[in-house]
């Protein structure tokens, strides 16, 4: 039974991290290199030491790889801001990755629509 409570705890912490990071990036980190990005999901390790942050990037002129690289470069600063908002004993180390799922879904919809017409 412990396993399911751990799962829901990591989900709760992940959702809180998603909300707080979105707010931190929008309000406290003024960086034009980040462009228009959305945090689409967060996976937190069971021990709460690591969090993988999935981002979608709407303004791709800035470059997906460059934006993700920049997010990982400022992850320490983001983690510091996050630590002031979380109620957990430790703040997970952050790793940002590009979430291509949304882009893949849009591409599939476009293909389906092109076949239907």
PDB file of N, CA and C in Angstrom:
ATOM      1  N   UNK A   1       0.815  -1.192   0.000  1.00  0.00           N
ATOM      2  CA  UNK A   1       0.000   0.000   0.000  1.00  0.00           C
ATOM      3  C   UNK A   1       0.865   1.266   0.000  1.00  0.00           C
ATOM      4  N   UNK A   2       2.046   1.187   0.550  1.00  0.00           N
ATOM      5  CA  UNK A   2       2.937   2.340   0.620  1.00  0.00           C
ATOM      6  C   UNK A   2       3.255   2.883  -0.773  1.00  0.00           C
ATOM      7  N   UNK A   3       3.362   1.981  -1.729  1.00  0.00           N
ATOM      8  CA  UNK A   3       3.728   2.386  -3.081  1.00  0.00           C
ATOM      9  C   UNK A   3       2.740   3.393  -3.676  1.00  0.00           C
ATOM     10  N   UNK A   4       1.438   3.164  -3.504  1.00  0.00           N
ATOM     11  CA  UNK A   4       0.460   4.079  -4.088  1.00  0.00           C
ATOM     12  C   UNK A   4       0.482   5.441  -3.393  1.00  0.00           C
ATOM     13  N   UNK A   5       0.749   5.472  -2.089  1.00  0.00           N
ATOM     14  CA  UNK A   5       0.839   6.767  -1.414  1.00  0.00           C
ATOM     15  C   UNK A   5       2.083   7.519  -1.846  1.00  0.00           C
ATOM     16  N   UNK A   6       3.181   6.789  -2.089  1.00  0.00           N
ATOM     17  CA  UNK A   6       4.380   7.432  -2.630  1.00  0.00           C
ATOM     18  C   UNK A   6       4.088   8.021  -3.988  1.00  0.00           C
ATOM     19  N   UNK A   7       3.351   7.272  -4.818  1.00  0.00           N
ATOM     20  CA  UNK A   7       3.025   7.728  -6.158  1.00  0.00           C
ATOM     21  C   UNK A   7       2.206   9.011  -6.100  1.00  0.00           C
ATOM     22  N   UNK A   8       1.189   9.043  -5.252  1.00  0.00           N
ATOM     23  CA  UNK A   8       0.360  10.239  -5.172  1.00  0.00           C
ATOM     24  C   UNK A   8       1.150  11.411  -4.583  1.00  0.00           C
ATOM     25  N   UNK A   9       2.075  11.129  -3.681  1.00  0.00           N
ATOM     26  CA  UNK A   9       2.901  12.197  -3.118  1.00  0.00           C
ATOM     27  C   UNK A   9       3.799  12.805  -4.195  1.00  0.00           C
ATOM     28  N   UNK A  10       4.442  11.952  -4.992  1.00  0.00           N
ATOM     29  CA  UNK A  10       5.301  12.489  -6.057  1.00  0.00           C
ATOM     30  C   UNK A  10       4.463  13.248  -7.086  1.00  0.00           C
ATOM     31  N   UNK A  11       3.255  12.786  -7.343  1.00  0.00           N
ATOM     32  CA  UNK A  11       2.364  13.513  -8.256  1.00  0.00           C
ATOM     33  C   UNK A  11       2.000  14.878  -7.683  1.00  0.00           C
ATOM     34  N   UNK A  12       1.666  14.921  -6.399  1.00  0.00           N
ATOM     35  CA  UNK A  12       1.311  16.194  -5.752  1.00  0.00           C
ATOM     36  C   UNK A  12       2.479  17.168  -5.792  1.00  0.00           C
ATOM     37  N   UNK A  13       3.664  16.682  -5.432  1.00  0.00           N
ATOM     38  CA  UNK A  13       4.853  17.537  -5.435  1.00  0.00           C
ATOM     39  C   UNK A  13       5.156  17.991  -6.867  1.00  0.00           C
ATOM     40  N   UNK A  14       5.025  17.083  -7.819  1.00  0.00           N
ATOM     41  CA  UNK A  14       5.268  17.431  -9.219  1.00  0.00           C
ATOM     42  C   UNK A  14       4.331  18.516  -9.711  1.00  0.00           C
ATOM     43  N   UNK A  15       3.066  18.419  -9.341  1.00  0.00           N
ATOM     44  CA  UNK A  15       2.085  19.428  -9.753  1.00  0.00           C
ATOM     45  C   UNK A  15       2.392  20.769  -9.091  1.00  0.00           C
ATOM     46  N   UNK A  16       2.806  20.741  -7.829  1.00  0.00           N
ATOM     47  CA  UNK A  16       3.164  21.986  -7.155  1.00  0.00           C
ATOM     48  C   UNK A  16       4.397  22.610  -7.811  1.00  0.00           C
ATOM     49  N   UNK A  17       5.383  21.791  -8.157  1.00  0.00           N
ATOM     50  CA  UNK A  17       6.586  22.288  -8.838  1.00  0.00           C
ATOM     51  C   UNK A  17       6.206  22.907 -10.177  1.00  0.00           C
ATOM     52  N   UNK A  18       5.305  22.243 -10.916  1.00  0.00           N
ATOM     53  CA  UNK A  18       4.883  22.760 -12.219  1.00  0.00           C
ATOM     54  C   UNK A  18       4.263  24.149 -12.070  1.00  0.00           C
ATOM     55  N   UNK A  19       3.328  24.284 -11.128  1.00  0.00           N
ATOM     56  CA  UNK A  19       2.663  25.577 -10.915  1.00  0.00           C
ATOM     57  C   UNK A  19       3.662  26.655 -10.475  1.00  0.00           C
ATOM     58  N   UNK A  20       4.493  26.322  -9.496  1.00  0.00           N
ATOM     59  CA  UNK A  20       5.418  27.317  -8.946  1.00  0.00           C
ATOM     60  C   UNK A  20       6.470  27.740  -9.974  1.00  0.00           C
ATOM     61  N   UNK A  21       7.021  26.767 -10.714  1.00  0.00           N
ATOM     62  CA  UNK A  21       8.031  27.120 -11.725  1.00  0.00           C
ATOM     63  C   UNK A  21       7.440  27.996 -12.819  1.00  0.00           C
ATOM     64  N   UNK A  22       6.217  27.698 -13.245  1.00  0.00           N
ATOM     65  CA  UNK A  22       5.567  28.521 -14.259  1.00  0.00           C
ATOM     66  C   UNK A  22       5.443  29.960 -13.758  1.00  0.00           C
ATOM     67  N   UNK A  23       5.075  30.107 -12.497  1.00  0.00           N
ATOM     68  CA  UNK A  23       4.933  31.437 -11.914  1.00  0.00           C
ATOM     69  C   UNK A  23       6.294  32.123 -11.764  1.00  0.00           C
ATOM     70  N   UNK A  24       7.302  31.384 -11.319  1.00  0.00           N
ATOM     71  CA  UNK A  24       8.648  31.947 -11.151  1.00  0.00           C
ATOM     72  C   UNK A  24       9.188  32.431 -12.494  1.00  0.00           C
ATOM     73  N   UNK A  25       9.061  31.608 -13.526  1.00  0.00           N
ATOM     74  CA  UNK A  25       9.574  31.982 -14.850  1.00  0.00           C
ATOM     75  C   UNK A  25       8.828  33.207 -15.368  1.00  0.00           C
ATOM     76  N   UNK A  26       7.526  33.255 -15.166  1.00  0.00           N
ATOM     77  CA  UNK A  26       6.725  34.367 -15.671  1.00  0.00           C
ATOM     78  C   UNK A  26       6.994  35.662 -14.893  1.00  0.00           C
ATOM     79  N   UNK A  27       7.118  35.585 -13.568  1.00  0.00           N
ATOM     80  CA  UNK A  27       7.191  36.798 -12.751  1.00  0.00           C
ATOM     81  C   UNK A  27       8.600  37.222 -12.322  1.00  0.00           C
ATOM     82  N   UNK A  28       9.467  36.248 -12.033  1.00  0.00           N
ATOM     83  CA  UNK A  28      10.731  36.593 -11.388  1.00  0.00           C
ATOM     84  C   UNK A  28      11.948  36.482 -12.301  1.00  0.00           C
ATOM     85  N   UNK A  29      11.826  35.710 -13.369  1.00  0.00           N
ATOM     86  CA  UNK A  29      12.968  35.548 -14.272  1.00  0.00           C
ATOM     87  C   UNK A  29      12.630  36.295 -15.553  1.00  0.00           C
ATOM     88  N   UNK A  30      13.184  37.475 -15.693  1.00  0.00           N
ATOM     89  CA  UNK A  30      12.921  38.223 -16.928  1.00  0.00           C
ATOM     90  C   UNK A  30      14.076  37.936 -17.885  1.00  0.00           C
ATOM     91  N   UNK A  31      13.825  37.010 -18.787  1.00  0.00           N
ATOM     92  CA  UNK A  31      14.872  36.579 -19.700  1.00  0.00           C
ATOM     93  C   UNK A  31      14.256  36.365 -21.078  1.00  0.00           C
ATOM     94  N   UNK A  32      14.622  37.225 -22.005  1.00  0.00           N
ATOM     95  CA  UNK A  32      14.056  37.157 -23.356  1.00  0.00           C
ATOM     96  C   UNK A  32      14.413  35.861 -24.076  1.00  0.00           C
ATOM     97  N   UNK A  33      15.476  35.188 -23.645  1.00  0.00           N
ATOM     98  CA  UNK A  33      15.895  33.946 -24.314  1.00  0.00           C
ATOM     99  C   UNK A  33      14.917  32.800 -24.071  1.00  0.00           C
ATOM    100  N   UNK A  34      14.066  32.931 -23.063  1.00  0.00           N
ATOM    101  CA  UNK A  34      13.134  31.853 -22.764  1.00  0.00           C
ATOM    102  C   UNK A  34      11.922  31.870 -23.692  1.00  0.00           C
ATOM    103  N   UNK A  35      11.587  33.017 -24.269  1.00  0.00           N
ATOM    104  CA  UNK A  35      10.476  33.077 -25.200  1.00  0.00           C
ATOM    105  C   UNK A  35       9.176  32.606 -24.575  1.00  0.00           C
ATOM    106  N   UNK A  36       8.334  32.027 -25.396  1.00  0.00           N
ATOM    107  CA  UNK A  36       7.033  31.533 -24.953  1.00  0.00           C
ATOM    108  C   UNK A  36       7.154  30.043 -24.665  1.00  0.00           C
ATOM    109  N   UNK A  37       7.192  29.699 -23.385  1.00  0.00           N
ATOM    110  CA  UNK A  37       7.291  28.285 -23.061  1.00  0.00           C
ATOM    111  C   UNK A  37       6.226  27.903 -22.047  1.00  0.00           C
ATOM    112  N   UNK A  38       5.862  26.640 -22.079  1.00  0.00           N
ATOM    113  CA  UNK A  38       4.875  26.097 -21.166  1.00  0.00           C
ATOM    114  C   UNK A  38       5.473  24.873 -20.494  1.00  0.00           C
ATOM    115  N   UNK A  39       5.256  24.761 -19.202  1.00  0.00           N
ATOM    116  CA  UNK A  39       5.678  23.552 -18.492  1.00  0.00           C
ATOM    117  C   UNK A  39       4.530  22.562 -18.618  1.00  0.00           C
ATOM    118  N   UNK A  40       4.752  21.513 -19.404  1.00  0.00           N
ATOM    119  CA  UNK A  40       3.666  20.577 -19.700  1.00  0.00           C
ATOM    120  C   UNK A  40       3.579  19.443 -18.688  1.00  0.00           C
ATOM    121  N   UNK A  41       4.653  19.199 -17.953  1.00  0.00           N
ATOM    122  CA  UNK A  41       4.612  18.132 -16.961  1.00  0.00           C
ATOM    123  C   UNK A  41       5.876  18.080 -16.136  1.00  0.00           C
ATOM    124  N   UNK A  42       5.789  17.389 -15.009  1.00  0.00           N
ATOM    125  CA  UNK A  42       6.935  17.229 -14.112  1.00  0.00           C
ATOM    126  C   UNK A  42       6.924  15.799 -13.589  1.00  0.00           C
ATOM    127  N   UNK A  43       8.044  15.113 -13.728  1.00  0.00           N
ATOM    128  CA  UNK A  43       8.222  13.793 -13.113  1.00  0.00           C
ATOM    129  C   UNK A  43       9.194  13.945 -11.958  1.00  0.00           C
ATOM    130  N   UNK A  44       8.772  13.541 -10.772  1.00  0.00           N
ATOM    131  CA  UNK A  44       9.613  13.652  -9.584  1.00  0.00           C
ATOM    132  C   UNK A  44      10.027  12.244  -9.154  1.00  0.00           C
ATOM    133  N   UNK A  45      11.306  12.085  -8.805  1.00  0.00           N
ATOM    134  CA  UNK A  45      11.780  10.784  -8.341  1.00  0.00           C
ATOM    135  C   UNK A  45      11.126  10.463  -6.996  1.00  0.00           C
ATOM    136  N   UNK A  46      10.988   9.162  -6.677  1.00  0.00           N
ATOM    137  CA  UNK A  46      10.326   8.771  -5.419  1.00  0.00           C
ATOM    138  C   UNK A  46      10.963   9.373  -4.162  1.00  0.00           C
ATOM    139  N   UNK A  47      12.285   9.625  -4.200  1.00  0.00           N
ATOM    140  CA  UNK A  47      12.948  10.210  -3.028  1.00  0.00           C
ATOM    141  C   UNK A  47      12.914  11.747  -3.046  1.00  0.00           C
ATOM    142  N   UNK A  48      12.248  12.322  -4.047  1.00  0.00           N
ATOM    143  CA  UNK A  48      12.080  13.770  -4.206  1.00  0.00           C
ATOM    144  C   UNK A  48      13.397  14.519  -4.404  1.00  0.00           C
ATOM    145  N   UNK A  49      14.432  13.818  -4.846  1.00  0.00           N
ATOM    146  CA  UNK A  49      15.722  14.479  -5.049  1.00  0.00           C
ATOM    147  C   UNK A  49      15.884  15.048  -6.458  1.00  0.00           C
ATOM    148  N   UNK A  50      15.131  14.504  -7.405  1.00  0.00           N
ATOM    149  CA  UNK A  50      15.270  14.929  -8.798  1.00  0.00           C
ATOM    150  C   UNK A  50      13.908  15.179  -9.415  1.00  0.00           C
ATOM    151  N   UNK A  51      13.849  16.173 -10.282  1.00  0.00           N
ATOM    152  CA  UNK A  51      12.613  16.453 -11.011  1.00  0.00           C
ATOM    153  C   UNK A  51      12.961  16.705 -12.472  1.00  0.00           C
ATOM    154  N   UNK A  52      12.278  15.993 -13.348  1.00  0.00           N
ATOM    155  CA  UNK A  52      12.429  16.219 -14.786  1.00  0.00           C
ATOM    156  C   UNK A  52      11.257  17.091 -15.213  1.00  0.00           C
ATOM    157  N   UNK A  53      11.590  18.247 -15.776  1.00  0.00           N
ATOM    158  CA  UNK A  53      10.593  19.239 -16.151  1.00  0.00           C
ATOM    159  C   UNK A  53      10.434  19.202 -17.670  1.00  0.00           C
ATOM    160  N   UNK A  54       9.213  18.899 -18.134  1.00  0.00           N
ATOM    161  CA  UNK A  54       8.930  18.840 -19.569  1.00  0.00           C
ATOM    162  C   UNK A  54       8.382  20.190 -20.020  1.00  0.00           C
ATOM    163  N   UNK A  55       9.000  20.753 -21.042  1.00  0.00           N
ATOM    164  CA  UNK A  55       8.565  22.060 -21.541  1.00  0.00           C
ATOM    165  C   UNK A  55       8.216  21.977 -23.023  1.00  0.00           C
ATOM    166  N   UNK A  56       7.192  22.742 -23.400  1.00  0.00           N
ATOM    167  CA  UNK A  56       6.893  22.957 -24.808  1.00  0.00           C
ATOM    168  C   UNK A  56       7.237  24.408 -25.091  1.00  0.00           C
ATOM    169  N   UNK A  57       7.744  24.639 -26.277  1.00  0.00           N
ATOM    170  CA  UNK A  57       8.205  25.974 -26.637  1.00  0.00           C
ATOM    171  C   UNK A  57       7.377  26.446 -27.818  1.00  0.00           C
ATOM    172  N   UNK A  58       6.643  27.532 -27.611  1.00  0.00           N
ATOM    173  CA  UNK A  58       5.733  28.021 -28.639  1.00  0.00           C
ATOM    174  C   UNK A  58       6.450  28.887 -29.664  1.00  0.00           C
ATOM    175  N   UNK A  59       7.428  29.638 -29.226  1.00  0.00           N
ATOM    176  CA  UNK A  59       8.164  30.520 -30.123  1.00  0.00           C
ATOM    177  C   UNK A  59       9.457  29.827 -30.520  1.00  0.00           C
ATOM    178  N   UNK A  60       9.414  29.064 -31.578  1.00  0.00           N
ATOM    179  CA  UNK A  60      10.563  28.236 -31.923  1.00  0.00           C
ATOM    180  C   UNK A  60      11.674  28.998 -32.636  1.00  0.00           C
ATOM    181  N   UNK A  61      11.481  30.317 -32.874  1.00  0.00           N
ATOM    182  CA  UNK A  61      12.555  31.108 -33.468  1.00  0.00           C
ATOM    183  C   UNK A  61      13.766  31.154 -32.547  1.00  0.00           C
ATOM    184  N   UNK A  62      13.492  31.121 -31.238  1.00  0.00           N
ATOM    185  CA  UNK A  62      14.591  31.168 -30.278  1.00  0.00           C
ATOM    186  C   UNK A  62      15.380  29.856 -30.280  1.00  0.00           C
ATOM    187  N   UNK A  63      14.809  28.804 -30.843  1.00  0.00           N
ATOM    188  CA  UNK A  63      15.512  27.538 -30.920  1.00  0.00           C
ATOM    189  C   UNK A  63      15.218  26.663 -29.721  1.00  0.00           C
ATOM    190  N   UNK A  64      14.695  25.493 -29.993  1.00  0.00           N
ATOM    191  CA  UNK A  64      14.318  24.570 -28.927  1.00  0.00           C
ATOM    192  C   UNK A  64      15.537  24.148 -28.122  1.00  0.00           C
ATOM    193  N   UNK A  65      16.586  23.709 -28.803  1.00  0.00           N
ATOM    194  CA  UNK A  65      17.782  23.220 -28.096  1.00  0.00           C
ATOM    195  C   UNK A  65      18.404  24.325 -27.248  1.00  0.00           C
ATOM    196  N   UNK A  66      18.467  25.531 -27.811  1.00  0.00           N
ATOM    197  CA  UNK A  66      19.070  26.648 -27.084  1.00  0.00           C
ATOM    198  C   UNK A  66      18.253  27.009 -25.845  1.00  0.00           C
ATOM    199  N   UNK A  67      16.930  26.985 -25.982  1.00  0.00           N
ATOM    200  CA  UNK A  67      16.063  27.320 -24.847  1.00  0.00           C
ATOM    201  C   UNK A  67      16.205  26.287 -23.736  1.00  0.00           C
ATOM    202  N   UNK A  68      16.186  24.998 -24.098  1.00  0.00           N
ATOM    203  CA  UNK A  68      16.324  23.942 -23.085  1.00  0.00           C
ATOM    204  C   UNK A  68      17.701  24.017 -22.434  1.00  0.00           C
ATOM    205  N   UNK A  69      18.732  24.262 -23.233  1.00  0.00           N
ATOM    206  CA  UNK A  69      20.087  24.411 -22.695  1.00  0.00           C
ATOM    207  C   UNK A  69      20.144  25.579 -21.712  1.00  0.00           C
ATOM    208  N   UNK A  70      19.526  26.695 -22.076  1.00  0.00           N
ATOM    209  CA  UNK A  70      19.516  27.862 -21.195  1.00  0.00           C
ATOM    210  C   UNK A  70      18.766  27.564 -19.895  1.00  0.00           C
ATOM    211  N   UNK A  71      17.618  26.875 -19.990  1.00  0.00           N
ATOM    212  CA  UNK A  71      16.875  26.500 -18.784  1.00  0.00           C
ATOM    213  C   UNK A  71      17.733  25.644 -17.861  1.00  0.00           C
ATOM    214  N   UNK A  72      18.468  24.700 -18.436  1.00  0.00           N
ATOM    215  CA  UNK A  72      19.340  23.858 -17.614  1.00  0.00           C
ATOM    216  C   UNK A  72      20.498  24.656 -17.026  1.00  0.00           C
ATOM    217  N   UNK A  73      20.945  25.696 -17.746  1.00  0.00           N
ATOM    218  CA  UNK A  73      22.013  26.547 -17.215  1.00  0.00           C
ATOM    219  C   UNK A  73      21.548  27.381 -16.028  1.00  0.00           C
ATOM    220  N   UNK A  74      20.274  27.776 -16.027  1.00  0.00           N
ATOM    221  CA  UNK A  74      19.759  28.589 -14.915  1.00  0.00           C
ATOM    222  C   UNK A  74      18.959  27.742 -13.926  1.00  0.00           C
ATOM    223  N   UNK A  75      19.056  26.416 -14.031  1.00  0.00           N
ATOM    224  CA  UNK A  75      18.295  25.519 -13.155  1.00  0.00           C
ATOM    225  C   UNK A  75      18.605  25.763 -11.684  1.00  0.00           C
ATOM    226  N   UNK A  76      19.851  26.080 -11.350  1.00  0.00           N
ATOM    227  CA  UNK A  76      20.222  26.350  -9.965  1.00  0.00           C
ATOM    228  C   UNK A  76      19.497  27.565  -9.417  1.00  0.00           C
ATOM    229  N   UNK A  77      19.409  28.605 -10.225  1.00  0.00           N
ATOM    230  CA  UNK A  77      18.699  29.818  -9.808  1.00  0.00           C
ATOM    231  C   UNK A  77      17.202  29.547  -9.665  1.00  0.00           C
ATOM    232  N   UNK A  78      16.640  28.779 -10.610  1.00  0.00           N
ATOM    233  CA  UNK A  78      15.226  28.414 -10.532  1.00  0.00           C
ATOM    234  C   UNK A  78      14.964  27.550  -9.300  1.00  0.00           C
ATOM    235  N   UNK A  79      15.886  26.643  -9.021  1.00  0.00           N
ATOM    236  CA  UNK A  79      15.751  25.773  -7.848  1.00  0.00           C
ATOM    237  C   UNK A  79      15.768  26.598  -6.555  1.00  0.00           C
ATOM    238  N   UNK A  80      16.617  27.616  -6.515  1.00  0.00           N
ATOM    239  CA  UNK A  80      16.679  28.492  -5.342  1.00  0.00           C
ATOM    240  C   UNK A  80      15.333  29.191  -5.123  1.00  0.00           C
ATOM    241  N   UNK A  81      14.765  29.772  -6.192  1.00  0.00           N
ATOM    242  CA  UNK A  81      13.446  30.414  -6.091  1.00  0.00           C
ATOM    243  C   UNK A  81      12.398  29.402  -5.646  1.00  0.00           C
ATOM    244  N   UNK A  82      12.480  28.198  -6.214  1.00  0.00           N
ATOM    245  CA  UNK A  82      11.521  27.150  -5.900  1.00  0.00           C
ATOM    246  C   UNK A  82      11.614  26.727  -4.435  1.00  0.00           C
ATOM    247  N   UNK A  83      12.842  26.676  -3.899  1.00  0.00           N
ATOM    248  CA  UNK A  83      13.033  26.241  -2.507  1.00  0.00           C
ATOM    249  C   UNK A  83      12.350  27.192  -1.522  1.00  0.00           C
ATOM    250  N   UNK A  84      12.178  28.450  -1.917  1.00  0.00           N
ATOM    251  CA  UNK A  84      11.516  29.416  -1.038  1.00  0.00           C
ATOM    252  C   UNK A  84       9.999  29.250  -1.031  1.00  0.00           C
ATOM    253  N   UNK A  85       9.493  28.458  -1.982  1.00  0.00           N
ATOM    254  CA  UNK A  85       8.043  28.284  -2.099  1.00  0.00           C
ATOM    255  C   UNK A  85       7.560  26.894  -1.691  1.00  0.00           C
ATOM    256  N   UNK A  86       8.413  25.892  -1.804  1.00  0.00           N
ATOM    257  CA  UNK A  86       8.001  24.523  -1.488  1.00  0.00           C
ATOM    258  C   UNK A  86       8.040  24.282   0.017  1.00  0.00           C
ATOM    259  N   UNK A  87       7.184  23.394   0.471  1.00  0.00           N
ATOM    260  CA  UNK A  87       7.165  23.056   1.892  1.00  0.00           C
ATOM    261  C   UNK A  87       7.922  21.755   2.164  1.00  0.00           C
ATOM    262  N   UNK A  88       8.511  21.169   1.139  1.00  0.00           N
ATOM    263  CA  UNK A  88       9.265  19.928   1.319  1.00  0.00           C
ATOM    264  C   UNK A  88      10.605  20.224   1.984  1.00  0.00           C
ATOM    265  N   UNK A  89      11.171  19.211   2.610  1.00  0.00           N
ATOM    266  CA  UNK A  89      12.443  19.373   3.318  1.00  0.00           C
ATOM    267  C   UNK A  89      13.575  19.712   2.352  1.00  0.00           C
ATOM    268  N   UNK A  90      13.584  19.045   1.214  1.00  0.00           N
ATOM    269  CA  UNK A  90      14.600  19.328   0.204  1.00  0.00           C
ATOM    270  C   UNK A  90      13.903  19.757  -1.084  1.00  0.00           C
ATOM    271  N   UNK A  91      14.648  20.473  -1.908  1.00  0.00           N
ATOM    272  CA  UNK A  91      14.133  20.887  -3.212  1.00  0.00           C
ATOM    273  C   UNK A  91      14.835  20.042  -4.262  1.00  0.00           C
ATOM    274  N   UNK A  92      14.069  19.402  -5.142  1.00  0.00           N
ATOM    275  CA  UNK A  92      14.699  18.517  -6.131  1.00  0.00           C
ATOM    276  C   UNK A  92      15.629  19.270  -7.080  1.00  0.00           C
ATOM    277  N   UNK A  93      16.634  18.565  -7.566  1.00  0.00           N
ATOM    278  CA  UNK A  93      17.468  19.090  -8.645  1.00  0.00           C
ATOM    279  C   UNK A  93      16.624  19.056  -9.908  1.00  0.00           C
ATOM    280  N   UNK A  94      16.714  20.123 -10.705  1.00  0.00           N
ATOM    281  CA  UNK A  94      15.851  20.270 -11.868  1.00  0.00           C
ATOM    282  C   UNK A  94      16.592  19.912 -13.155  1.00  0.00           C
ATOM    283  N   UNK A  95      15.933  19.148 -13.994  1.00  0.00           N
ATOM    284  CA  UNK A  95      16.448  18.861 -15.329  1.00  0.00           C
ATOM    285  C   UNK A  95      15.332  19.172 -16.314  1.00  0.00           C
ATOM    286  N   UNK A  96      15.616  20.053 -17.266  1.00  0.00           N
ATOM    287  CA  UNK A  96      14.618  20.449 -18.248  1.00  0.00           C
ATOM    288  C   UNK A  96      14.809  19.652 -19.534  1.00  0.00           C
ATOM    289  N   UNK A  97      13.693  19.175 -20.097  1.00  0.00           N
ATOM    290  CA  UNK A  97      13.717  18.442 -21.363  1.00  0.00           C
ATOM    291  C   UNK A  97      12.569  18.953 -22.232  1.00  0.00           C
ATOM    292  N   UNK A  98      12.780  18.905 -23.537  1.00  0.00           N
ATOM    293  CA  UNK A  98      11.758  19.339 -24.484  1.00  0.00           C
ATOM    294  C   UNK A  98      10.691  18.272 -24.604  1.00  0.00           C
ATOM    295  N   UNK A  99       9.440  18.680 -24.521  1.00  0.00           N
ATOM    296  CA  UNK A  99       8.299  17.759 -24.648  1.00  0.00           C
ATOM    297  C   UNK A  99       7.772  17.866 -26.076  1.00  0.00           C
ATOM    298  N   UNK A 100       8.138  16.902 -26.897  1.00  0.00           N
ATOM    299  CA  UNK A 100       7.731  16.946 -28.302  1.00  0.00           C
ATOM    300  C   UNK A 100       6.348  16.344 -28.514  1.00  0.00           C
ATOM    301  N   UNK A 101       5.731  15.846 -27.460  1.00  0.00           N
ATOM    302  CA  UNK A 101       4.441  15.175 -27.587  1.00  0.00           C
ATOM    303  C   UNK A 101       3.379  16.088 -28.202  1.00  0.00           C
ATOM    304  N   UNK A 102       3.300  17.336 -27.759  1.00  0.00           N
ATOM    305  CA  UNK A 102       2.324  18.271 -28.291  1.00  0.00           C
ATOM    306  C   UNK A 102       2.582  18.522 -29.774  1.00  0.00           C
ATOM    307  N   UNK A 103       3.837  18.746 -30.106  1.00  0.00           N
ATOM    308  CA  UNK A 103       4.216  18.974 -31.498  1.00  0.00           C
ATOM    309  C   UNK A 103       3.883  17.750 -32.352  1.00  0.00           C
ATOM    310  N   UNK A 104       4.177  16.554 -31.844  1.00  0.00           N
ATOM    311  CA  UNK A 104       3.871  15.317 -32.564  1.00  0.00           C
ATOM    312  C   UNK A 104       2.370  15.177 -32.769  1.00  0.00           C
ATOM    313  N   UNK A 105       1.582  15.512 -31.762  1.00  0.00           N
ATOM    314  CA  UNK A 105       0.132  15.443 -31.865  1.00  0.00           C
ATOM    315  C   UNK A 105      -0.414  16.387 -32.917  1.00  0.00           C
ATOM    316  N   UNK A 106       0.117  17.606 -32.951  1.00  0.00           N
ATOM    317  CA  UNK A 106      -0.315  18.573 -33.963  1.00  0.00           C
ATOM    318  C   UNK A 106       0.048  18.095 -35.362  1.00  0.00           C
ATOM    319  N   UNK A 107       1.214  17.493 -35.503  1.00  0.00           N
ATOM    320  CA  UNK A 107       1.654  16.965 -36.796  1.00  0.00           C
ATOM    321  C   UNK A 107       0.723  15.838 -37.247  1.00  0.00           C
ATOM    322  N   UNK A 108       0.360  14.938 -36.328  1.00  0.00           N
ATOM    323  CA  UNK A 108      -0.561  13.845 -36.661  1.00  0.00           C
ATOM    324  C   UNK A 108      -1.940  14.377 -37.061  1.00  0.00           C
ATOM    325  N   UNK A 109      -2.431  15.388 -36.340  1.00  0.00           N
ATOM    326  CA  UNK A 109      -3.717  15.986 -36.702  1.00  0.00           C
ATOM    327  C   UNK A 109      -3.671  16.598 -38.094  1.00  0.00           C
ATOM    328  N   UNK A 110      -2.570  17.266 -38.410  1.00  0.00           N
ATOM    329  CA  UNK A 110      -2.420  17.858 -39.743  1.00  0.00           C
ATOM    330  C   UNK A 110      -2.419  16.772 -40.812  1.00  0.00           C
ATOM    331  N   UNK A 111      -1.737  15.653 -40.542  1.00  0.00           N
ATOM    332  CA  UNK A 111      -1.722  14.540 -41.501  1.00  0.00           C
ATOM    333  C   UNK A 111      -3.121  13.954 -41.684  1.00  0.00           C
ATOM    334  N   UNK A 112      -3.832  13.755 -40.600  1.00  0.00           N
ATOM    335  CA  UNK A 112      -5.192  13.208 -40.673  1.00  0.00           C
ATOM    336  C   UNK A 112      -6.100  14.145 -41.459  1.00  0.00           C
ATOM    337  N   UNK A 113      -5.994  15.442 -41.174  1.00  0.00           N
ATOM    338  CA  UNK A 113      -6.811  16.421 -41.887  1.00  0.00           C
ATOM    339  C   UNK A 113      -6.485  16.474 -43.370  1.00  0.00           C
ATOM    340  N   UNK A 114      -5.198  16.298 -43.724  1.00  0.00           N
ATOM    341  CA  UNK A 114      -4.821  16.332 -45.147  1.00  0.00           C
ATOM    342  C   UNK A 114      -5.346  15.107 -45.886  1.00  0.00           C
ATOM    343  N   UNK A 115      -5.479  13.990 -45.222  1.00  0.00           N
ATOM    344  CA  UNK A 115      -5.992  12.771 -45.856  1.00  0.00           C
ATOM    345  C   UNK A 115      -7.514  12.883 -46.023  1.00  0.00           C
ATOM    346  N   UNK A 116      -8.191  13.510 -45.082  1.00  0.00           N
ATOM    347  CA  UNK A 116      -9.650  13.621 -45.128  1.00  0.00           C
ATOM    348  C   UNK A 116     -10.124  14.569 -46.218  1.00  0.00           C
ATOM    349  N   UNK A 117      -9.302  15.498 -46.652  1.00  0.00           N
ATOM    350  CA  UNK A 117      -9.754  16.458 -47.667  1.00  0.00           C
ATOM    351  C   UNK A 117      -9.438  16.013 -49.069  1.00  0.00           C
TER     352      UNK A 117
END
